[in-house]
Amino acid sequence: MKATVEYADFDKLDLRVGKVVAAEAPSWSRKLIQFTVDFGEEIGTKTILSGIQAWYSPEEFVGKVFPFIVNLAERKMGEGVSQGMMIMADGKVDGEDHPIVFPLPESITPGTVIR
């Protein structure tokens, strides 16, 4: 378990619902999937990179909504820059480590705040 944080620290995270409008496996990486994510009118679209190509194909995400952190500092990953992070769980599938994604109901509007 990580150190306890104050609510004020947690409150700094901007958690939002995002709809994946495009996803691809960039030619320059064997690990990353590059997502174009719609966060609604207030935020617009962001590019999110995630090292999950070993477990998922880009096509599995297009048109679906997921939870994201949208106010992380940009991070260079390979030749791209990630502007946030999809929230996932560390899990196992058939005894092997496997990130678990959380698809949300598609009826939730992109940009909705997660509390």
PDB file of N, CA and C in Angstrom:
ATOM      1  N   MET A   1       0.840  -1.180   0.000  1.00  0.00           N
ATOM      2  CA  MET A   1       0.000   0.000   0.000  1.00  0.00           C
ATOM      3  C   MET A   1       0.886   1.243   0.000  1.00  0.00           C
ATOM      4  N   LYS A   2       0.466   2.225  -0.763  1.00  0.00           N
ATOM      5  CA  LYS A   2       1.206   3.487  -0.822  1.00  0.00           C
ATOM      6  C   LYS A   2       0.878   4.342   0.390  1.00  0.00           C
ATOM      7  N   ALA A   3       1.652   5.404   0.565  1.00  0.00           N
ATOM      8  CA  ALA A   3       1.450   6.325   1.688  1.00  0.00           C
ATOM      9  C   ALA A   3       0.073   6.976   1.610  1.00  0.00           C
ATOM     10  N   THR A   4      -0.497   7.277   2.760  1.00  0.00           N
ATOM     11  CA  THR A   4      -1.777   7.973   2.841  1.00  0.00           C
ATOM     12  C   THR A   4      -1.615   9.400   2.331  1.00  0.00           C
ATOM     13  N   VAL A   5      -2.595   9.862   1.563  1.00  0.00           N
ATOM     14  CA  VAL A   5      -2.580  11.230   1.065  1.00  0.00           C
ATOM     15  C   VAL A   5      -3.776  11.981   1.633  1.00  0.00           C
ATOM     16  N   GLU A   6      -3.636  13.264   1.719  1.00  0.00           N
ATOM     17  CA  GLU A   6      -4.737  14.113   2.158  1.00  0.00           C
ATOM     18  C   GLU A   6      -5.742  14.258   1.021  1.00  0.00           C
ATOM     19  N   TYR A   7      -6.989  14.525   1.374  1.00  0.00           N
ATOM     20  CA  TYR A   7      -8.019  14.703   0.360  1.00  0.00           C
ATOM     21  C   TYR A   7      -7.627  15.804  -0.626  1.00  0.00           C
ATOM     22  N   ALA A   8      -7.008  16.863  -0.137  1.00  0.00           N
ATOM     23  CA  ALA A   8      -6.596  17.971  -1.003  1.00  0.00           C
ATOM     24  C   ALA A   8      -5.654  17.495  -2.109  1.00  0.00           C
ATOM     25  N   ASP A   9      -4.809  16.499  -1.813  1.00  0.00           N
ATOM     26  CA  ASP A   9      -3.919  15.953  -2.841  1.00  0.00           C
ATOM     27  C   ASP A   9      -4.718  15.177  -3.879  1.00  0.00           C
ATOM     28  N   PHE A  10      -5.633  14.336  -3.415  1.00  0.00           N
ATOM     29  CA  PHE A  10      -6.483  13.578  -4.337  1.00  0.00           C
ATOM     30  C   PHE A  10      -7.311  14.529  -5.199  1.00  0.00           C
ATOM     31  N   ASP A  11      -7.799  15.592  -4.594  1.00  0.00           N
ATOM     32  CA  ASP A  11      -8.670  16.534  -5.291  1.00  0.00           C
ATOM     33  C   ASP A  11      -7.964  17.258  -6.432  1.00  0.00           C
ATOM     34  N   LYS A  12      -6.643  17.204  -6.468  1.00  0.00           N
ATOM     35  CA  LYS A  12      -5.887  17.833  -7.557  1.00  0.00           C
ATOM     36  C   LYS A  12      -6.045  17.080  -8.872  1.00  0.00           C
ATOM     37  N   LEU A  13      -6.400  15.786  -8.797  1.00  0.00           N
ATOM     38  CA  LEU A  13      -6.574  14.988 -10.016  1.00  0.00           C
ATOM     39  C   LEU A  13      -7.889  15.334 -10.686  1.00  0.00           C
ATOM     40  N   ASP A  14      -7.838  15.533 -11.984  1.00  0.00           N
ATOM     41  CA  ASP A  14      -9.049  15.782 -12.767  1.00  0.00           C
ATOM     42  C   ASP A  14      -9.399  14.486 -13.485  1.00  0.00           C
ATOM     43  N   LEU A  15     -10.345  13.748 -12.930  1.00  0.00           N
ATOM     44  CA  LEU A  15     -10.787  12.469 -13.483  1.00  0.00           C
ATOM     45  C   LEU A  15     -12.012  12.714 -14.343  1.00  0.00           C
ATOM     46  N   ARG A  16     -11.966  12.261 -15.580  1.00  0.00           N
ATOM     47  CA  ARG A  16     -13.058  12.510 -16.522  1.00  0.00           C
ATOM     48  C   ARG A  16     -13.361  11.269 -17.352  1.00  0.00           C
ATOM     49  N   VAL A  17     -14.578  11.250 -17.870  1.00  0.00           N
ATOM     50  CA  VAL A  17     -14.990  10.239 -18.832  1.00  0.00           C
ATOM     51  C   VAL A  17     -14.532  10.706 -20.209  1.00  0.00           C
ATOM     52  N   GLY A  18     -13.905   9.806 -20.962  1.00  0.00           N
ATOM     53  CA  GLY A  18     -13.470  10.123 -22.312  1.00  0.00           C
ATOM     54  C   GLY A  18     -13.929   9.062 -23.281  1.00  0.00           C
ATOM     55  N   LYS A  19     -14.284   9.490 -24.481  1.00  0.00           N
ATOM     56  CA  LYS A  19     -14.691   8.561 -25.536  1.00  0.00           C
ATOM     57  C   LYS A  19     -13.546   8.428 -26.542  1.00  0.00           C
ATOM     58  N   VAL A  20     -13.094   7.198 -26.749  1.00  0.00           N
ATOM     59  CA  VAL A  20     -12.012   6.939 -27.696  1.00  0.00           C
ATOM     60  C   VAL A  20     -12.581   7.066 -29.113  1.00  0.00           C
ATOM     61  N   VAL A  21     -12.097   8.066 -29.854  1.00  0.00           N
ATOM     62  CA  VAL A  21     -12.586   8.282 -31.218  1.00  0.00           C
ATOM     63  C   VAL A  21     -11.656   7.679 -32.258  1.00  0.00           C
ATOM     64  N   ALA A  22     -10.410   7.411 -31.863  1.00  0.00           N
ATOM     65  CA  ALA A  22      -9.451   6.743 -32.763  1.00  0.00           C
ATOM     66  C   ALA A  22      -8.398   6.067 -31.896  1.00  0.00           C
ATOM     67  N   ALA A  23      -7.856   4.967 -32.406  1.00  0.00           N
ATOM     68  CA  ALA A  23      -6.785   4.257 -31.712  1.00  0.00           C
ATOM     69  C   ALA A  23      -5.917   3.572 -32.745  1.00  0.00           C
ATOM     70  N   GLU A  24      -4.626   3.576 -32.479  1.00  0.00           N
ATOM     71  CA  GLU A  24      -3.700   2.923 -33.406  1.00  0.00           C
ATOM     72  C   GLU A  24      -2.468   2.425 -32.663  1.00  0.00           C
ATOM     73  N   ALA A  25      -1.817   1.458 -33.265  1.00  0.00           N
ATOM     74  CA  ALA A  25      -0.521   0.986 -32.792  1.00  0.00           C
ATOM     75  C   ALA A  25       0.518   1.738 -33.628  1.00  0.00           C
ATOM     76  N   PRO A  26       1.203   2.733 -33.051  1.00  0.00           N
ATOM     77  CA  PRO A  26       2.158   3.507 -33.839  1.00  0.00           C
ATOM     78  C   PRO A  26       3.270   2.622 -34.396  1.00  0.00           C
ATOM     79  N   SER A  27       3.704   2.919 -35.604  1.00  0.00           N
ATOM     80  CA  SER A  27       4.730   2.106 -36.267  1.00  0.00           C
ATOM     81  C   SER A  27       6.062   2.125 -35.516  1.00  0.00           C
ATOM     82  N   TRP A  28       6.287   3.130 -34.684  1.00  0.00           N
ATOM     83  CA  TRP A  28       7.547   3.289 -33.964  1.00  0.00           C
ATOM     84  C   TRP A  28       7.567   2.587 -32.605  1.00  0.00           C
ATOM     85  N   SER A  29       6.486   1.870 -32.255  1.00  0.00           N
ATOM     86  CA  SER A  29       6.450   1.213 -30.947  1.00  0.00           C
ATOM     87  C   SER A  29       5.801  -0.160 -31.028  1.00  0.00           C
ATOM     88  N   ARG A  30       6.341  -1.106 -30.264  1.00  0.00           N
ATOM     89  CA  ARG A  30       5.726  -2.433 -30.137  1.00  0.00           C
ATOM     90  C   ARG A  30       4.888  -2.540 -28.867  1.00  0.00           C
ATOM     91  N   LYS A  31       4.964  -1.533 -27.997  1.00  0.00           N
ATOM     92  CA  LYS A  31       4.282  -1.581 -26.703  1.00  0.00           C
ATOM     93  C   LYS A  31       3.056  -0.671 -26.616  1.00  0.00           C
ATOM     94  N   LEU A  32       3.126   0.479 -27.260  1.00  0.00           N
ATOM     95  CA  LEU A  32       2.125   1.517 -27.039  1.00  0.00           C
ATOM     96  C   LEU A  32       0.926   1.435 -27.967  1.00  0.00           C
ATOM     97  N   ILE A  33      -0.216   1.847 -27.436  1.00  0.00           N
ATOM     98  CA  ILE A  33      -1.396   2.163 -28.241  1.00  0.00           C
ATOM     99  C   ILE A  33      -1.611   3.658 -28.076  1.00  0.00           C
ATOM    100  N   GLN A  34      -1.858   4.334 -29.189  1.00  0.00           N
ATOM    101  CA  GLN A  34      -2.105   5.768 -29.163  1.00  0.00           C
ATOM    102  C   GLN A  34      -3.599   5.998 -29.348  1.00  0.00           C
ATOM    103  N   PHE A  35      -4.200   6.659 -28.362  1.00  0.00           N
ATOM    104  CA  PHE A  35      -5.630   6.948 -28.394  1.00  0.00           C
ATOM    105  C   PHE A  35      -5.858   8.425 -28.671  1.00  0.00           C
ATOM    106  N   THR A  36      -6.857   8.719 -29.476  1.00  0.00           N
ATOM    107  CA  THR A  36      -7.393  10.068 -29.579  1.00  0.00           C
ATOM    108  C   THR A  36      -8.704  10.020 -28.813  1.00  0.00           C
ATOM    109  N   VAL A  37      -8.790  10.842 -27.761  1.00  0.00           N
ATOM    110  CA  VAL A  37      -9.910  10.747 -26.825  1.00  0.00           C
ATOM    111  C   VAL A  37     -10.665  12.070 -26.783  1.00  0.00           C
ATOM    112  N   ASP A  38     -11.982  11.987 -26.939  1.00  0.00           N
ATOM    113  CA  ASP A  38     -12.866  13.144 -26.863  1.00  0.00           C
ATOM    114  C   ASP A  38     -13.300  13.326 -25.416  1.00  0.00           C
ATOM    115  N   PHE A  39     -13.023  14.517 -24.867  1.00  0.00           N
ATOM    116  CA  PHE A  39     -13.434  14.845 -23.505  1.00  0.00           C
ATOM    117  C   PHE A  39     -14.496  15.937 -23.481  1.00  0.00           C
ATOM    118  N   GLY A  40     -15.220  16.086 -24.569  1.00  0.00           N
ATOM    119  CA  GLY A  40     -16.302  17.063 -24.609  1.00  0.00           C
ATOM    120  C   GLY A  40     -15.823  18.462 -24.941  1.00  0.00           C
ATOM    121  N   GLU A  41     -16.792  19.367 -24.953  1.00  0.00           N
ATOM    122  CA  GLU A  41     -16.547  20.734 -25.397  1.00  0.00           C
ATOM    123  C   GLU A  41     -15.539  21.492 -24.534  1.00  0.00           C
ATOM    124  N   GLU A  42     -15.580  21.321 -23.224  1.00  0.00           N
ATOM    125  CA  GLU A  42     -14.702  22.069 -22.315  1.00  0.00           C
ATOM    126  C   GLU A  42     -13.221  21.752 -22.547  1.00  0.00           C
ATOM    127  N   ILE A  43     -12.891  20.478 -22.757  1.00  0.00           N
ATOM    128  CA  ILE A  43     -11.497  20.045 -22.878  1.00  0.00           C
ATOM    129  C   ILE A  43     -11.103  19.766 -24.324  1.00  0.00           C
ATOM    130  N   GLY A  44     -12.003  19.226 -25.094  1.00  0.00           N
ATOM    131  CA  GLY A  44     -11.693  18.854 -26.475  1.00  0.00           C
ATOM    132  C   GLY A  44     -11.059  17.475 -26.535  1.00  0.00           C
ATOM    133  N   THR A  45     -10.184  17.252 -27.520  1.00  0.00           N
ATOM    134  CA  THR A  45      -9.538  15.946 -27.660  1.00  0.00           C
ATOM    135  C   THR A  45      -8.115  16.004 -27.127  1.00  0.00           C
ATOM    136  N   LYS A  46      -7.658  14.856 -26.658  1.00  0.00           N
ATOM    137  CA  LYS A  46      -6.288  14.698 -26.184  1.00  0.00           C
ATOM    138  C   LYS A  46      -5.739  13.403 -26.752  1.00  0.00           C
ATOM    139  N   THR A  47      -4.425  13.347 -26.865  1.00  0.00           N
ATOM    140  CA  THR A  47      -3.724  12.127 -27.246  1.00  0.00           C
ATOM    141  C   THR A  47      -3.240  11.450 -25.975  1.00  0.00           C
ATOM    142  N   ILE A  48      -3.615  10.194 -25.816  1.00  0.00           N
ATOM    143  CA  ILE A  48      -3.215   9.414 -24.647  1.00  0.00           C
ATOM    144  C   ILE A  48      -2.466   8.182 -25.154  1.00  0.00           C
ATOM    145  N   LEU A  49      -1.285   7.936 -24.618  1.00  0.00           N
ATOM    146  CA  LEU A  49      -0.509   6.753 -24.963  1.00  0.00           C
ATOM    147  C   LEU A  49      -0.530   5.784 -23.793  1.00  0.00           C
ATOM    148  N   SER A  50      -0.637   4.494 -24.103  1.00  0.00           N
ATOM    149  CA  SER A  50      -0.666   3.481 -23.053  1.00  0.00           C
ATOM    150  C   SER A  50       0.090   2.240 -23.520  1.00  0.00           C
ATOM    151  N   GLY A  51       0.923   1.694 -22.644  1.00  0.00           N
ATOM    152  CA  GLY A  51       1.754   0.533 -22.983  1.00  0.00           C
ATOM    153  C   GLY A  51       1.025  -0.787 -22.817  1.00  0.00           C
ATOM    154  N   ILE A  52      -0.049  -0.972 -23.563  1.00  0.00           N
ATOM    155  CA  ILE A  52      -0.896  -2.160 -23.411  1.00  0.00           C
ATOM    156  C   ILE A  52      -1.047  -2.970 -24.688  1.00  0.00           C
ATOM    157  N   GLN A  53      -0.206  -2.718 -25.675  1.00  0.00           N
ATOM    158  CA  GLN A  53      -0.327  -3.398 -26.964  1.00  0.00           C
ATOM    159  C   GLN A  53      -0.160  -4.914 -26.865  1.00  0.00           C
ATOM    160  N   ALA A  54       0.542  -5.391 -25.844  1.00  0.00           N
ATOM    161  CA  ALA A  54       0.735  -6.838 -25.685  1.00  0.00           C
ATOM    162  C   ALA A  54      -0.566  -7.548 -25.326  1.00  0.00           C
ATOM    163  N   TRP A  55      -1.545  -6.805 -24.800  1.00  0.00           N
ATOM    164  CA  TRP A  55      -2.776  -7.419 -24.312  1.00  0.00           C
ATOM    165  C   TRP A  55      -4.032  -7.016 -25.074  1.00  0.00           C
ATOM    166  N   TYR A  56      -3.984  -5.873 -25.744  1.00  0.00           N
ATOM    167  CA  TYR A  56      -5.176  -5.342 -26.408  1.00  0.00           C
ATOM    168  C   TYR A  56      -4.841  -4.875 -27.818  1.00  0.00           C
ATOM    169  N   SER A  57      -5.836  -4.878 -28.678  1.00  0.00           N
ATOM    170  CA  SER A  57      -5.678  -4.288 -30.006  1.00  0.00           C
ATOM    171  C   SER A  57      -6.381  -2.935 -30.013  1.00  0.00           C
ATOM    172  N   PRO A  58      -5.899  -2.001 -30.803  1.00  0.00           N
ATOM    173  CA  PRO A  58      -6.513  -0.668 -30.834  1.00  0.00           C
ATOM    174  C   PRO A  58      -8.009  -0.705 -31.143  1.00  0.00           C
ATOM    175  N   GLU A  59      -8.415  -1.615 -32.002  1.00  0.00           N
ATOM    176  CA  GLU A  59      -9.810  -1.685 -32.427  1.00  0.00           C
ATOM    177  C   GLU A  59     -10.774  -1.963 -31.275  1.00  0.00           C
ATOM    178  N   GLU A  60     -10.290  -2.561 -30.208  1.00  0.00           N
ATOM    179  CA  GLU A  60     -11.148  -2.886 -29.062  1.00  0.00           C
ATOM    180  C   GLU A  60     -11.640  -1.640 -28.321  1.00  0.00           C
ATOM    181  N   PHE A  61     -11.039  -0.485 -28.575  1.00  0.00           N
ATOM    182  CA  PHE A  61     -11.335   0.718 -27.811  1.00  0.00           C
ATOM    183  C   PHE A  61     -12.191   1.747 -28.534  1.00  0.00           C
ATOM    184  N   VAL A  62     -12.164   1.734 -29.857  1.00  0.00           N
ATOM    185  CA  VAL A  62     -12.818   2.786 -30.631  1.00  0.00           C
ATOM    186  C   VAL A  62     -14.327   2.796 -30.373  1.00  0.00           C
ATOM    187  N   GLY A  63     -14.826   3.985 -30.061  1.00  0.00           N
ATOM    188  CA  GLY A  63     -16.251   4.179 -29.810  1.00  0.00           C
ATOM    189  C   GLY A  63     -16.681   3.900 -28.378  1.00  0.00           C
ATOM    190  N   LYS A  64     -15.749   3.465 -27.542  1.00  0.00           N
ATOM    191  CA  LYS A  64     -16.082   3.148 -26.149  1.00  0.00           C
ATOM    192  C   LYS A  64     -15.603   4.259 -25.223  1.00  0.00           C
ATOM    193  N   VAL A  65     -16.194   4.303 -24.027  1.00  0.00           N
ATOM    194  CA  VAL A  65     -15.823   5.331 -23.053  1.00  0.00           C
ATOM    195  C   VAL A  65     -15.131   4.686 -21.854  1.00  0.00           C
ATOM    196  N   PHE A  66     -14.155   5.419 -21.301  1.00  0.00           N
ATOM    197  CA  PHE A  66     -13.318   4.930 -20.216  1.00  0.00           C
ATOM    198  C   PHE A  66     -13.009   6.074 -19.256  1.00  0.00           C
ATOM    199  N   PRO A  67     -12.551   5.749 -18.035  1.00  0.00           N
ATOM    200  CA  PRO A  67     -12.104   6.791 -17.112  1.00  0.00           C
ATOM    201  C   PRO A  67     -10.653   7.190 -17.399  1.00  0.00           C
ATOM    202  N   PHE A  68     -10.378   8.488 -17.283  1.00  0.00           N
ATOM    203  CA  PHE A  68      -9.044   9.022 -17.551  1.00  0.00           C
ATOM    204  C   PHE A  68      -8.674  10.072 -16.513  1.00  0.00           C
ATOM    205  N   ILE A  69      -7.376  10.272 -16.328  1.00  0.00           N
ATOM    206  CA  ILE A  69      -6.852  11.441 -15.631  1.00  0.00           C
ATOM    207  C   ILE A  69      -6.439  12.407 -16.729  1.00  0.00           C
ATOM    208  N   VAL A  70      -7.010  13.616 -16.732  1.00  0.00           N
ATOM    209  CA  VAL A  70      -6.763  14.532 -17.842  1.00  0.00           C
ATOM    210  C   VAL A  70      -5.794  15.660 -17.517  1.00  0.00           C
ATOM    211  N   ASN A  71      -5.395  15.788 -16.249  1.00  0.00           N
ATOM    212  CA  ASN A  71      -4.516  16.916 -15.916  1.00  0.00           C
ATOM    213  C   ASN A  71      -3.115  16.494 -15.484  1.00  0.00           C
ATOM    214  N   LEU A  72      -2.664  15.328 -15.929  1.00  0.00           N
ATOM    215  CA  LEU A  72      -1.268  14.960 -15.700  1.00  0.00           C
ATOM    216  C   LEU A  72      -0.373  15.793 -16.609  1.00  0.00           C
ATOM    217  N   ALA A  73       0.818  16.087 -16.149  1.00  0.00           N
ATOM    218  CA  ALA A  73       1.781  16.773 -17.005  1.00  0.00           C
ATOM    219  C   ALA A  73       2.040  15.882 -18.230  1.00  0.00           C
ATOM    220  N   GLU A  74       2.200  16.506 -19.390  1.00  0.00           N
ATOM    221  CA  GLU A  74       2.497  15.740 -20.599  1.00  0.00           C
ATOM    222  C   GLU A  74       3.765  14.931 -20.392  1.00  0.00           C
ATOM    223  N   ARG A  75       3.792  13.734 -21.016  1.00  0.00           N
ATOM    224  CA  ARG A  75       4.936  12.837 -20.858  1.00  0.00           C
ATOM    225  C   ARG A  75       5.337  12.281 -22.214  1.00  0.00           C
ATOM    226  N   LYS A  76       6.597  12.446 -22.555  1.00  0.00           N
ATOM    227  CA  LYS A  76       7.113  11.883 -23.801  1.00  0.00           C
ATOM    228  C   LYS A  76       7.222  10.373 -23.650  1.00  0.00           C
ATOM    229  N   MET A  77       6.660   9.668 -24.603  1.00  0.00           N
ATOM    230  CA  MET A  77       6.709   8.205 -24.612  1.00  0.00           C
ATOM    231  C   MET A  77       7.086   7.793 -26.024  1.00  0.00           C
ATOM    232  N   GLY A  78       8.301   7.282 -26.189  1.00  0.00           N
ATOM    233  CA  GLY A  78       8.773   6.962 -27.533  1.00  0.00           C
ATOM    234  C   GLY A  78       8.824   8.238 -28.354  1.00  0.00           C
ATOM    235  N   GLU A  79       8.235   8.194 -29.538  1.00  0.00           N
ATOM    236  CA  GLU A  79       8.211   9.365 -30.409  1.00  0.00           C
ATOM    237  C   GLU A  79       6.987  10.243 -30.191  1.00  0.00           C
ATOM    238  N   GLY A  80       6.107   9.832 -29.277  1.00  0.00           N
ATOM    239  CA  GLY A  80       4.878  10.581 -29.034  1.00  0.00           C
ATOM    240  C   GLY A  80       4.866  11.240 -27.669  1.00  0.00           C
ATOM    241  N   VAL A  81       3.796  11.988 -27.428  1.00  0.00           N
ATOM    242  CA  VAL A  81       3.598  12.658 -26.149  1.00  0.00           C
ATOM    243  C   VAL A  81       2.198  12.307 -25.650  1.00  0.00           C
ATOM    244  N   SER A  82       2.130  11.820 -24.410  1.00  0.00           N
ATOM    245  CA  SER A  82       0.849  11.479 -23.805  1.00  0.00           C
ATOM    246  C   SER A  82       0.355  12.657 -22.979  1.00  0.00           C
ATOM    247  N   GLN A  83      -0.928  12.974 -23.135  1.00  0.00           N
ATOM    248  CA  GLN A  83      -1.531  14.121 -22.460  1.00  0.00           C
ATOM    249  C   GLN A  83      -2.484  13.694 -21.348  1.00  0.00           C
ATOM    250  N   GLY A  84      -2.294  12.514 -20.800  1.00  0.00           N
ATOM    251  CA  GLY A  84      -3.158  12.026 -19.737  1.00  0.00           C
ATOM    252  C   GLY A  84      -2.934  10.545 -19.533  1.00  0.00           C
ATOM    253  N   MET A  85      -3.864   9.905 -18.813  1.00  0.00           N
ATOM    254  CA  MET A  85      -3.711   8.483 -18.522  1.00  0.00           C
ATOM    255  C   MET A  85      -5.084   7.817 -18.403  1.00  0.00           C
ATOM    256  N   MET A  86      -5.229   6.664 -19.057  1.00  0.00           N
ATOM    257  CA  MET A  86      -6.418   5.849 -18.857  1.00  0.00           C
ATOM    258  C   MET A  86      -6.262   5.107 -17.528  1.00  0.00           C
ATOM    259  N   ILE A  87      -7.328   5.044 -16.754  1.00  0.00           N
ATOM    260  CA  ILE A  87      -7.276   4.339 -15.475  1.00  0.00           C
ATOM    261  C   ILE A  87      -7.539   2.857 -15.713  1.00  0.00           C
ATOM    262  N   MET A  88      -6.663   2.006 -15.203  1.00  0.00           N
ATOM    263  CA  MET A  88      -6.752   0.552 -15.343  1.00  0.00           C
ATOM    264  C   MET A  88      -6.380  -0.101 -14.025  1.00  0.00           C
ATOM    265  N   ALA A  89      -6.673  -1.374 -13.922  1.00  0.00           N
ATOM    266  CA  ALA A  89      -6.291  -2.152 -12.739  1.00  0.00           C
ATOM    267  C   ALA A  89      -5.177  -3.120 -13.120  1.00  0.00           C
ATOM    268  N   ASP A  90      -4.299  -3.392 -12.166  1.00  0.00           N
ATOM    269  CA  ASP A  90      -3.337  -4.469 -12.340  1.00  0.00           C
ATOM    270  C   ASP A  90      -4.088  -5.764 -12.077  1.00  0.00           C
ATOM    271  N   GLY A  91      -4.063  -6.657 -13.026  1.00  0.00           N
ATOM    272  CA  GLY A  91      -4.788  -7.909 -12.852  1.00  0.00           C
ATOM    273  C   GLY A  91      -4.035  -9.073 -13.436  1.00  0.00           C
ATOM    274  N   LYS A  92      -4.704 -10.200 -13.460  1.00  0.00           N
ATOM    275  CA  LYS A  92      -4.145 -11.418 -14.056  1.00  0.00           C
ATOM    276  C   LYS A  92      -5.217 -12.064 -14.915  1.00  0.00           C
ATOM    277  N   VAL A  93      -4.785 -12.621 -16.015  1.00  0.00           N
ATOM    278  CA  VAL A  93      -5.646 -13.413 -16.885  1.00  0.00           C
ATOM    279  C   VAL A  93      -4.892 -14.705 -17.148  1.00  0.00           C
ATOM    280  N   ASP A  94      -5.516 -15.823 -16.838  1.00  0.00           N
ATOM    281  CA  ASP A  94      -4.870 -17.133 -16.971  1.00  0.00           C
ATOM    282  C   ASP A  94      -3.527 -17.179 -16.248  1.00  0.00           C
ATOM    283  N   GLY A  95      -3.460 -16.532 -15.080  1.00  0.00           N
ATOM    284  CA  GLY A  95      -2.252 -16.545 -14.262  1.00  0.00           C
ATOM    285  C   GLY A  95      -1.166 -15.579 -14.699  1.00  0.00           C
ATOM    286  N   GLU A  96      -1.379 -14.863 -15.794  1.00  0.00           N
ATOM    287  CA  GLU A  96      -0.382 -13.918 -16.315  1.00  0.00           C
ATOM    288  C   GLU A  96      -0.799 -12.490 -15.977  1.00  0.00           C
ATOM    289  N   ASP A  97       0.198 -11.630 -15.681  1.00  0.00           N
ATOM    290  CA  ASP A  97      -0.100 -10.212 -15.472  1.00  0.00           C
ATOM    291  C   ASP A  97      -0.816  -9.655 -16.689  1.00  0.00           C
ATOM    292  N   HIS A  98      -1.825  -8.819 -16.435  1.00  0.00           N
ATOM    293  CA  HIS A  98      -2.665  -8.305 -17.515  1.00  0.00           C
ATOM    294  C   HIS A  98      -3.384  -7.061 -17.016  1.00  0.00           C
ATOM    295  N   PRO A  99      -3.195  -5.911 -17.663  1.00  0.00           N
ATOM    296  CA  PRO A  99      -3.947  -4.738 -17.249  1.00  0.00           C
ATOM    297  C   PRO A  99      -5.433  -4.932 -17.579  1.00  0.00           C
ATOM    298  N   ILE A 100      -6.282  -4.480 -16.676  1.00  0.00           N
ATOM    299  CA  ILE A 100      -7.728  -4.611 -16.856  1.00  0.00           C
ATOM    300  C   ILE A 100      -8.303  -3.218 -17.067  1.00  0.00           C
ATOM    301  N   VAL A 101      -8.983  -3.012 -18.199  1.00  0.00           N
ATOM    302  CA  VAL A 101      -9.595  -1.718 -18.497  1.00  0.00           C
ATOM    303  C   VAL A 101     -11.031  -1.696 -17.963  1.00  0.00           C
ATOM    304  N   PHE A 102     -11.560  -0.487 -17.785  1.00  0.00           N
ATOM    305  CA  PHE A 102     -12.900  -0.298 -17.244  1.00  0.00           C
ATOM    306  C   PHE A 102     -13.789   0.420 -18.247  1.00  0.00           C
ATOM    307  N   PRO A 103     -14.374  -0.292 -19.201  1.00  0.00           N
ATOM    308  CA  PRO A 103     -15.314   0.392 -20.084  1.00  0.00           C
ATOM    309  C   PRO A 103     -16.512   0.874 -19.265  1.00  0.00           C
ATOM    310  N   LEU A 104     -16.964   2.081 -19.556  1.00  0.00           N
ATOM    311  CA  LEU A 104     -18.108   2.668 -18.875  1.00  0.00           C
ATOM    312  C   LEU A 104     -19.314   2.640 -19.808  1.00  0.00           C
ATOM    313  N   PRO A 105     -20.524   2.817 -19.271  1.00  0.00           N
ATOM    314  CA  PRO A 105     -21.698   2.861 -20.159  1.00  0.00           C
ATOM    315  C   PRO A 105     -21.543   3.959 -21.207  1.00  0.00           C
ATOM    316  N   GLU A 106     -21.843   3.641 -22.447  1.00  0.00           N
ATOM    317  CA  GLU A 106     -21.662   4.592 -23.543  1.00  0.00           C
ATOM    318  C   GLU A 106     -22.609   5.775 -23.450  1.00  0.00           C
ATOM    319  N   SER A 107     -23.590   5.694 -22.565  1.00  0.00           N
ATOM    320  CA  SER A 107     -24.538   6.795 -22.397  1.00  0.00           C
ATOM    321  C   SER A 107     -23.954   7.953 -21.583  1.00  0.00           C
ATOM    322  N   ILE A 108     -22.793   7.743 -20.948  1.00  0.00           N
ATOM    323  CA  ILE A 108     -22.177   8.821 -20.166  1.00  0.00           C
ATOM    324  C   ILE A 108     -21.505   9.806 -21.130  1.00  0.00           C
ATOM    325  N   THR A 109     -21.783  11.066 -20.947  1.00  0.00           N
ATOM    326  CA  THR A 109     -21.282  12.119 -21.831  1.00  0.00           C
ATOM    327  C   THR A 109     -19.786  12.321 -21.652  1.00  0.00           C
ATOM    328  N   PRO A 110     -19.015  12.354 -22.759  1.00  0.00           N
ATOM    329  CA  PRO A 110     -17.581  12.639 -22.641  1.00  0.00           C
ATOM    330  C   PRO A 110     -17.355  13.962 -21.907  1.00  0.00           C
ATOM    331  N   GLY A 111     -16.369  13.952 -21.010  1.00  0.00           N
ATOM    332  CA  GLY A 111     -16.053  15.121 -20.219  1.00  0.00           C
ATOM    333  C   GLY A 111     -16.691  15.114 -18.848  1.00  0.00           C
ATOM    334  N   THR A 112     -17.602  14.175 -18.605  1.00  0.00           N
ATOM    335  CA  THR A 112     -18.247  14.093 -17.294  1.00  0.00           C
ATOM    336  C   THR A 112     -17.189  13.882 -16.223  1.00  0.00           C
ATOM    337  N   VAL A 113     -17.294  14.645 -15.137  1.00  0.00           N
ATOM    338  CA  VAL A 113     -16.354  14.557 -14.030  1.00  0.00           C
ATOM    339  C   VAL A 113     -16.624  13.261 -13.247  1.00  0.00           C
ATOM    340  N   ILE A 114     -15.545  12.584 -12.871  1.00  0.00           N
ATOM    341  CA  ILE A 114     -15.624  11.397 -12.023  1.00  0.00           C
ATOM    342  C   ILE A 114     -15.233  11.828 -10.619  1.00  0.00           C
ATOM    343  N   ARG A 115     -16.064  11.525  -9.651  1.00  0.00           N
ATOM    344  CA  ARG A 115     -15.804  11.957  -8.259  1.00  0.00           C
ATOM    345  C   ARG A 115     -15.440  10.769  -7.412  1.00  0.00           C
TER     346      ARG A 115
END
